Amino acid sequence: MTVTLKDFYADWCGPCKTQDPILEEIEEEWEDRFDLEKVNVDEQQDIANEYQVRSLPTLIVENEEGIVERFVGVTQREDIEDALESAGA
């Protein structure tokens, strides 16, 4: 099962910069167990609208069955990892 973590961010977003190192650590340690997709809401507004993103950062964990978990604001590593496991990563 393919698991995707979508990271909705903007370059001007301070909390997004706080979230980045957490995501980078998870991506490095989990290797190929999930795909990390970074979505710049200023450049990809259509995708942000499709997922109804209204606040940044927003993280969405999904698999073939749909959205498993949505996080708004800076999210702790443990919560992200729990959501990835729930999604099948």
Protein backbone atom coordinates (compact mmCIF):
# COMPACT_ATOMS: atom_id res chain seq x y z
CA MET A 1 0.00 0.00 0.00
CA THR A 2 1.31 3.40 -0.95
CA VAL A 3 1.31 5.93 1.89
CA THR A 4 1.77 9.62 1.18
CA LEU A 5 2.47 12.47 3.57
CA LYS A 6 1.52 15.79 2.01
CA ASP A 7 3.17 18.82 3.62
CA PHE A 8 1.30 22.03 2.77
CA TYR A 9 3.58 25.01 3.45
CA ALA A 10 4.65 28.47 2.32
CA ASP A 11 8.10 30.02 2.29
CA TRP A 12 6.90 32.91 4.49
CA CYS A 13 5.38 30.58 7.13
CA GLY A 14 7.41 30.52 10.38
CA PRO A 15 5.73 27.41 11.86
CA CYS A 16 6.38 25.59 8.56
CA LYS A 17 10.11 26.15 9.08
CA THR A 18 9.74 24.59 12.55
CA GLN A 19 7.97 21.56 11.02
CA ASP A 20 10.59 20.93 8.30
CA PRO A 21 13.37 19.33 10.44
CA ILE A 22 10.83 16.93 12.00
CA LEU A 23 9.66 15.79 8.56
CA GLU A 24 13.23 15.46 7.30
CA GLU A 25 14.16 13.21 10.24
CA ILE A 26 11.13 10.98 9.72
CA GLU A 27 11.75 10.77 5.97
CA GLU A 28 15.39 9.80 6.54
CA GLU A 29 14.67 7.17 9.20
CA TRP A 30 11.61 5.65 7.53
CA GLU A 31 13.41 5.54 4.15
CA ASP A 32 11.03 4.31 1.42
CA ARG A 33 8.06 3.40 3.61
CA PHE A 34 6.11 6.50 2.51
CA ASP A 35 6.27 9.32 -0.03
CA LEU A 36 6.72 12.89 1.19
CA GLU A 37 5.10 15.46 -1.08
CA LYS A 38 5.81 19.10 -0.31
CA VAL A 39 3.06 21.40 -1.59
CA ASN A 40 3.85 25.12 -1.73
CA VAL A 41 0.39 26.68 -1.36
CA ASP A 42 1.49 29.89 -3.10
CA GLU A 43 2.53 27.95 -6.21
CA GLN A 44 0.00 25.10 -6.09
CA GLN A 45 -3.23 26.72 -4.94
CA ASP A 46 -5.34 24.21 -6.87
CA ILE A 47 -4.01 21.31 -4.76
CA ALA A 48 -4.42 23.31 -1.55
CA ASN A 49 -8.03 24.06 -2.51
CA GLU A 50 -8.69 20.42 -3.41
CA TYR A 51 -7.60 19.40 0.11
CA GLN A 52 -9.37 22.41 1.69
CA VAL A 53 -6.18 23.68 3.32
CA ARG A 54 -6.92 26.89 5.24
CA SER A 55 -4.04 27.05 7.76
CA LEU A 56 -0.32 26.32 7.62
CA PRO A 57 1.39 24.06 8.11
CA THR A 58 -1.12 21.33 7.26
CA LEU A 59 -0.01 17.70 7.03
CA ILE A 60 -2.20 15.09 5.39
CA VAL A 61 -1.45 11.37 5.60
CA GLU A 62 -3.24 9.30 2.97
CA ASN A 63 -3.22 5.91 1.32
CA GLU A 64 -5.21 4.30 -1.50
CA GLU A 65 -8.35 4.39 0.65
CA GLY A 66 -8.14 8.15 1.21
CA ILE A 67 -7.14 10.53 3.98
CA VAL A 68 -6.10 8.75 7.16
CA GLU A 69 -5.13 11.77 9.25
CA ARG A 70 -4.97 15.56 8.96
CA PHE A 71 -2.83 17.76 11.18
CA VAL A 72 -3.02 21.56 11.35
CA GLY A 73 -0.18 23.48 12.96
CA VAL A 74 3.23 22.21 14.02
CA THR A 75 2.81 18.50 14.73
CA GLN A 76 4.95 16.33 17.00
CA ARG A 77 6.99 13.53 15.49
CA GLU A 78 5.20 10.80 17.47
CA ASP A 79 1.79 11.87 16.15
CA ILE A 80 3.03 11.86 12.55
CA GLU A 81 4.63 8.43 12.96
CA ASP A 82 1.45 7.02 14.53
CA ALA A 83 -0.57 8.31 11.56
CA LEU A 84 1.92 6.82 9.07
CA GLU A 85 1.67 3.44 10.80
CA SER A 86 -2.13 3.63 10.80
CA ALA A 87 -2.01 4.31 7.07
CA GLY A 88 0.11 1.20 6.48
CA ALA A 89 3.61 2.64 6.12
